[in-house]
């Protein structure tokens, strides 16, 4: 029988913790939000003691409303959980300061650390500091700055809810440097040295999923060599992450705008590995 799963969902206020928990609940997880961090071990011991099918998959939300002293001790709590008979994983959800400020302004919600003496921007900065101990221990980091809520729900369902025991969840994504490097990327490959279809007016409005762009890039020896080299690198090093029981790995392909070269190479890499691995392919900026 597979091990019971204990997923801890945490991160910055407004980044999407509640959305993630809702997605996990829809996938059959027993979810508890805002559980005091000091009670995590007691809750886990209760689950271990009753050993009911109801608790085969559990997700717990933890956030900055906990006392800072409790959050500072979180690494020790997490270590204790790992020693129990659970498949423990920590998902940390974040977003840019500007995105978080916009979300709080649009919803008119109050940030849990803001006050009359501390404006929203300072509250977000303080929260990043307070949550650093959790961020550092994350198995999966998800940046929702550029992610629509429906895309985010699908990502949680694909990468977290549907991940099988001891299986590495591999995400391949494309992005544009003009919009920033994905914060959750483990490996980043810069493709801006490759020939750019953007400079052909007939190809400018297309993306790397269009046949005309694919034909253009396939004709370029440098592009094919880049794809081959990336595949060779990943074939060598992905097993090393698996041997360390790594649960998640994100490979990011970047070009200037994130529409042509990065999309084409990400598609090529995903196609190569999908025959024997579960791949989540994301095109952030196209």
Protein backbone atom coordinates (compact mmCIF):
# COMPACT_ATOMS: atom_id res chain seq x y z
CA UNK A 1 0.00 0.00 0.00
CA UNK A 2 1.27 3.49 -0.83
CA UNK A 3 2.26 5.82 1.97
CA UNK A 4 -0.18 8.36 3.32
CA UNK A 5 0.40 11.82 1.91
CA UNK A 6 0.81 14.90 4.10
CA UNK A 7 0.96 18.05 1.98
CA UNK A 8 1.71 21.40 3.62
CA UNK A 9 0.57 24.38 1.56
CA UNK A 10 2.05 27.71 2.55
CA UNK A 11 3.39 30.92 1.06
CA UNK A 12 2.62 34.62 0.82
CA UNK A 13 -0.81 36.04 1.59
CA UNK A 14 -2.70 36.67 -1.63
CA UNK A 15 -0.52 34.34 -3.69
CA UNK A 16 -3.07 31.52 -3.86
CA UNK A 17 -2.92 29.19 -0.83
CA UNK A 18 -6.71 28.93 -0.59
CA UNK A 19 -7.01 28.19 -4.30
CA UNK A 20 -4.44 25.40 -3.97
CA UNK A 21 -6.26 23.87 -1.00
CA UNK A 22 -9.56 24.00 -2.88
CA UNK A 23 -7.96 22.20 -5.82
CA UNK A 24 -6.58 19.51 -3.52
CA UNK A 25 -9.93 19.14 -1.78
CA UNK A 26 -11.59 18.62 -5.16
CA UNK A 27 -8.99 15.92 -5.83
CA UNK A 28 -9.97 14.00 -2.70
CA UNK A 29 -7.61 15.41 -0.06
CA UNK A 30 -8.79 16.07 3.47
CA UNK A 31 -7.90 19.76 3.84
CA UNK A 32 -7.42 21.95 6.91
CA UNK A 33 -6.63 25.62 6.45
CA UNK A 34 -4.97 27.93 8.97
CA UNK A 35 -3.93 25.11 11.28
CA UNK A 36 -1.58 26.54 13.93
CA UNK A 37 1.95 25.46 13.11
CA UNK A 38 2.41 24.35 16.71
CA UNK A 39 -0.35 21.76 16.23
CA UNK A 40 1.04 20.17 13.05
CA UNK A 41 2.71 17.30 14.90
CA UNK A 42 -0.33 16.66 17.09
CA UNK A 43 -2.54 16.54 13.99
CA UNK A 44 -0.13 14.15 12.25
CA UNK A 45 -0.01 11.93 15.36
CA UNK A 46 -3.81 11.84 15.41
CA UNK A 47 -3.89 10.76 11.76
CA UNK A 48 -1.24 8.15 12.47
CA UNK A 49 -3.19 6.84 15.46
CA UNK A 50 -6.63 6.51 13.85
CA UNK A 51 -5.25 5.29 10.49
CA UNK A 52 -8.52 5.74 8.58
CA UNK A 53 -8.90 5.82 4.76
CA UNK A 54 -10.43 9.27 5.28
CA UNK A 55 -6.94 10.57 6.03
CA UNK A 56 -4.92 8.80 3.33
CA UNK A 57 -4.35 12.18 1.65
CA UNK A 58 -4.18 15.27 3.84
CA UNK A 59 -3.37 18.87 2.99
CA UNK A 60 -2.76 21.55 5.63
CA UNK A 61 -2.54 25.32 5.09
CA UNK A 62 -0.02 27.29 7.17
CA UNK A 63 0.52 31.04 6.85
CA UNK A 64 2.04 34.13 8.45
CA UNK A 65 -0.75 34.52 10.98
CA UNK A 66 1.18 32.04 13.12
CA UNK A 67 3.45 33.50 15.82
CA UNK A 68 6.95 34.12 14.48
CA UNK A 69 8.39 31.87 17.18
CA UNK A 70 6.30 28.93 15.91
CA UNK A 71 7.32 29.57 12.29
CA UNK A 72 11.00 29.76 13.27
CA UNK A 73 10.73 26.22 14.66
CA UNK A 74 9.08 24.90 11.52
CA UNK A 75 12.21 23.10 10.20
CA UNK A 76 12.29 20.92 13.31
CA UNK A 77 8.58 20.19 12.97
CA UNK A 78 9.04 19.26 9.33
CA UNK A 79 11.93 16.95 10.18
CA UNK A 80 9.74 15.20 12.74
CA UNK A 81 6.96 14.77 10.18
CA UNK A 82 9.39 13.28 7.67
CA UNK A 83 10.39 10.66 10.23
CA UNK A 84 6.78 9.50 10.49
CA UNK A 85 5.14 7.14 8.00
CA UNK A 86 4.01 9.91 5.65
CA UNK A 87 4.93 11.09 2.18
CA UNK A 88 5.55 14.68 3.36
CA UNK A 89 5.88 17.58 0.94
CA UNK A 90 5.86 21.34 1.27
CA UNK A 91 4.39 23.55 -1.46
CA UNK A 92 5.29 27.24 -1.22
CA UNK A 93 3.20 29.74 -3.24
CA UNK A 94 4.49 33.23 -4.01
CA UNK A 95 4.06 36.19 -6.36
CA UNK A 96 5.74 39.50 -7.06
CA UNK A 97 5.18 42.43 -4.69
CA UNK A 98 3.36 44.39 -7.39
CA UNK A 99 1.02 41.48 -8.10
CA UNK A 100 0.23 41.01 -4.41
CA UNK A 101 -0.42 44.72 -3.92
CA UNK A 102 -2.77 44.73 -6.91
CA UNK A 103 -4.65 41.70 -5.62
CA UNK A 104 -5.19 43.17 -2.17
CA UNK A 105 -6.26 46.48 -3.72
CA UNK A 106 -8.74 44.80 -6.07
CA UNK A 107 -10.31 42.58 -3.41
CA UNK A 108 -10.12 45.22 -0.65
CA UNK A 109 -8.87 42.51 1.69
CA UNK A 110 -6.54 43.39 4.55
CA UNK A 111 -3.10 41.83 4.62
CA UNK A 112 -2.72 39.89 7.91
CA UNK A 113 0.47 41.79 8.82
CA UNK A 114 -0.62 45.27 7.77
CA UNK A 115 -1.81 47.90 10.21
CA UNK A 116 -2.35 51.62 10.56
CA UNK A 117 1.36 51.99 11.27
CA UNK A 118 2.57 49.54 8.59
CA UNK A 119 1.47 49.98 4.94
CA UNK A 120 0.84 47.07 2.60
CA UNK A 121 4.26 47.13 0.91
CA UNK A 122 6.06 46.87 4.24
CA UNK A 123 3.71 44.11 5.39
CA UNK A 124 4.57 42.03 2.32
CA UNK A 125 8.29 42.57 2.91
CA UNK A 126 7.90 41.53 6.55
CA UNK A 127 5.96 38.44 5.52
CA UNK A 128 8.74 37.36 3.13
CA UNK A 129 11.16 37.54 6.06
CA UNK A 130 8.86 35.71 8.48
CA UNK A 131 8.13 32.95 5.95
CA UNK A 132 11.75 32.45 4.88
CA UNK A 133 12.19 29.32 6.99
CA UNK A 134 9.28 27.68 5.16
CA UNK A 135 10.35 28.96 1.76
CA UNK A 136 13.82 27.48 2.21
CA UNK A 137 12.41 24.00 2.84
CA UNK A 138 9.92 23.95 -0.04
CA UNK A 139 9.75 20.87 -2.26
CA UNK A 140 7.73 22.81 -4.82
CA UNK A 141 7.71 26.57 -5.35
CA UNK A 142 4.93 28.07 -7.46
CA UNK A 143 5.03 31.68 -8.65
CA UNK A 144 1.50 32.85 -9.52
CA UNK A 145 2.54 36.29 -10.80
CA UNK A 146 1.71 35.41 -14.40
CA UNK A 147 -0.71 32.54 -13.72
CA UNK A 148 -4.47 32.70 -14.15
CA UNK A 149 -6.47 31.11 -11.33
CA UNK A 150 -7.74 28.29 -13.57
CA UNK A 151 -4.21 27.56 -14.77
CA UNK A 152 -3.04 27.52 -11.18
CA UNK A 153 -5.73 25.06 -10.12
CA UNK A 154 -4.80 22.79 -13.02
CA UNK A 155 -1.11 23.01 -12.09
CA UNK A 156 -1.82 21.99 -8.48
CA UNK A 157 -4.00 19.12 -9.65
CA UNK A 158 -1.37 17.91 -12.13
CA UNK A 159 1.82 18.37 -10.10
CA UNK A 160 0.63 17.79 -6.53
CA UNK A 161 -2.68 15.90 -6.41
CA UNK A 162 -1.83 13.44 -9.17
CA UNK A 163 1.82 12.85 -8.27
CA UNK A 164 2.43 9.22 -7.38
CA UNK A 165 4.67 8.06 -4.55
CA UNK A 166 8.38 8.66 -5.16
CA UNK A 167 7.73 9.92 -8.70
CA UNK A 168 9.51 13.06 -9.88
CA UNK A 169 7.09 15.67 -11.22
CA UNK A 170 8.87 17.32 -14.14
CA UNK A 171 7.66 20.68 -15.45
CA UNK A 172 9.03 22.20 -18.66
CA UNK A 173 8.13 25.83 -19.21
CA UNK A 174 8.87 28.57 -21.71
CA UNK A 175 9.15 32.23 -20.75
CA UNK A 176 10.26 35.64 -21.98
CA UNK A 177 13.11 37.45 -20.26
CA UNK A 178 11.30 40.76 -20.75
CA UNK A 179 8.75 39.55 -18.17
CA UNK A 180 11.32 38.08 -15.79
CA UNK A 181 12.74 34.66 -15.05
CA UNK A 182 10.28 32.24 -13.35
CA UNK A 183 10.99 32.27 -9.62
CA UNK A 184 10.26 28.55 -9.31
CA UNK A 185 12.74 27.40 -11.99
CA UNK A 186 15.44 24.91 -10.97
CA UNK A 187 17.30 25.03 -14.31
CA UNK A 188 17.16 27.98 -16.71
CA UNK A 189 18.39 27.75 -20.30
CA UNK A 190 18.97 31.03 -22.14
CA UNK A 191 18.03 30.69 -25.83
CA UNK A 192 18.52 34.31 -26.87
CA UNK A 193 21.67 33.36 -28.79
CA UNK A 194 19.58 31.37 -31.31
CA UNK A 195 18.22 32.75 -34.61
CA UNK A 196 15.04 34.73 -33.93
CA UNK A 197 11.92 34.28 -36.12
CA UNK A 198 10.62 37.58 -34.74
CA UNK A 199 12.65 39.50 -37.32
CA UNK A 200 10.70 37.89 -40.17
CA UNK A 201 7.46 39.94 -40.46
CA UNK A 202 5.62 36.90 -41.81
CA UNK A 203 6.47 34.92 -38.66
CA UNK A 204 6.31 37.61 -36.00
CA UNK A 205 2.73 37.01 -34.84
CA UNK A 206 3.07 33.22 -34.72
CA UNK A 207 4.35 31.10 -31.83
CA UNK A 208 6.67 28.15 -31.49
CA UNK A 209 3.68 25.83 -31.75
CA UNK A 210 2.98 26.95 -35.31
CA UNK A 211 4.39 24.84 -38.13
CA UNK A 212 6.01 27.80 -39.90
CA UNK A 213 8.05 28.67 -36.80
CA UNK A 214 8.99 25.03 -36.28
CA UNK A 215 10.15 24.73 -39.89
CA UNK A 216 12.21 27.92 -39.54
CA UNK A 217 13.95 26.73 -36.37
CA UNK A 218 14.41 23.14 -37.54
CA UNK A 219 16.48 24.49 -40.45
CA UNK A 220 18.93 26.17 -38.07
CA UNK A 221 21.83 23.89 -37.00
CA UNK A 222 22.41 25.94 -33.83
CA UNK A 223 18.85 25.30 -32.68
CA UNK A 224 19.10 21.56 -33.20
CA UNK A 225 22.47 21.49 -31.41
CA UNK A 226 21.02 23.45 -28.48
CA UNK A 227 18.11 21.00 -28.14
CA UNK A 228 20.47 18.01 -28.31
CA UNK A 229 22.79 19.50 -25.68
CA UNK A 230 19.92 20.30 -23.29
CA UNK A 231 18.52 16.77 -23.70
CA UNK A 232 21.95 15.27 -23.01
CA UNK A 233 22.37 17.44 -19.90
CA UNK A 234 18.94 16.56 -18.52
CA UNK A 235 19.28 12.85 -19.25
CA UNK A 236 22.46 12.90 -17.20
CA UNK A 237 21.25 14.93 -14.23
CA UNK A 238 17.53 14.20 -13.78
CA UNK A 239 18.34 10.71 -12.41
CA UNK A 240 20.61 12.37 -9.84
CA UNK A 241 17.65 14.38 -8.53
CA UNK A 242 15.50 11.25 -8.49
CA UNK A 243 18.14 9.37 -6.50
CA UNK A 244 17.88 12.08 -3.83
CA UNK A 245 14.10 11.53 -3.64
CA UNK A 246 13.39 14.91 -5.19
CA UNK A 247 9.64 15.33 -5.78
CA UNK A 248 9.62 18.28 -8.19
CA UNK A 249 11.87 19.73 -10.87
CA UNK A 250 11.15 22.72 -13.13
CA UNK A 251 13.12 23.29 -16.34
CA UNK A 252 12.71 26.78 -17.85
CA UNK A 253 13.52 27.78 -21.45
CA UNK A 254 13.82 31.51 -22.03
CA UNK A 255 14.04 33.81 -25.04
CA UNK A 256 13.36 37.52 -25.38
CA UNK A 257 9.58 37.53 -25.68
CA UNK A 258 8.76 33.94 -24.74
CA UNK A 259 6.77 33.22 -27.91
CA UNK A 260 9.06 31.63 -30.50
CA UNK A 261 12.39 30.02 -29.60
CA UNK A 262 11.58 29.18 -25.99
CA UNK A 263 8.22 27.65 -26.93
CA UNK A 264 9.79 25.56 -29.70
CA UNK A 265 12.61 24.24 -27.50
CA UNK A 266 10.28 23.58 -24.54
CA UNK A 267 7.99 21.59 -26.83
CA UNK A 268 10.97 19.64 -28.17
CA UNK A 269 12.29 18.83 -24.69
CA UNK A 270 8.85 17.78 -23.42
CA UNK A 271 8.31 15.55 -26.45
CA UNK A 272 11.64 13.82 -25.85
CA UNK A 273 10.94 12.98 -22.21
CA UNK A 274 7.19 12.32 -22.25
CA UNK A 275 7.58 8.72 -23.43
CA UNK A 276 8.81 7.57 -20.00
CA UNK A 277 7.97 10.47 -17.67
CA UNK A 278 4.96 12.49 -16.67
CA UNK A 279 5.57 15.99 -18.06
CA UNK A 280 3.72 19.23 -17.38
CA UNK A 281 4.35 21.68 -20.25
CA UNK A 282 3.66 25.36 -19.57
CA UNK A 283 4.06 28.32 -21.95
CA UNK A 284 4.00 31.30 -19.62
CA UNK A 285 4.17 34.16 -22.09
CA UNK A 286 2.73 32.86 -25.36
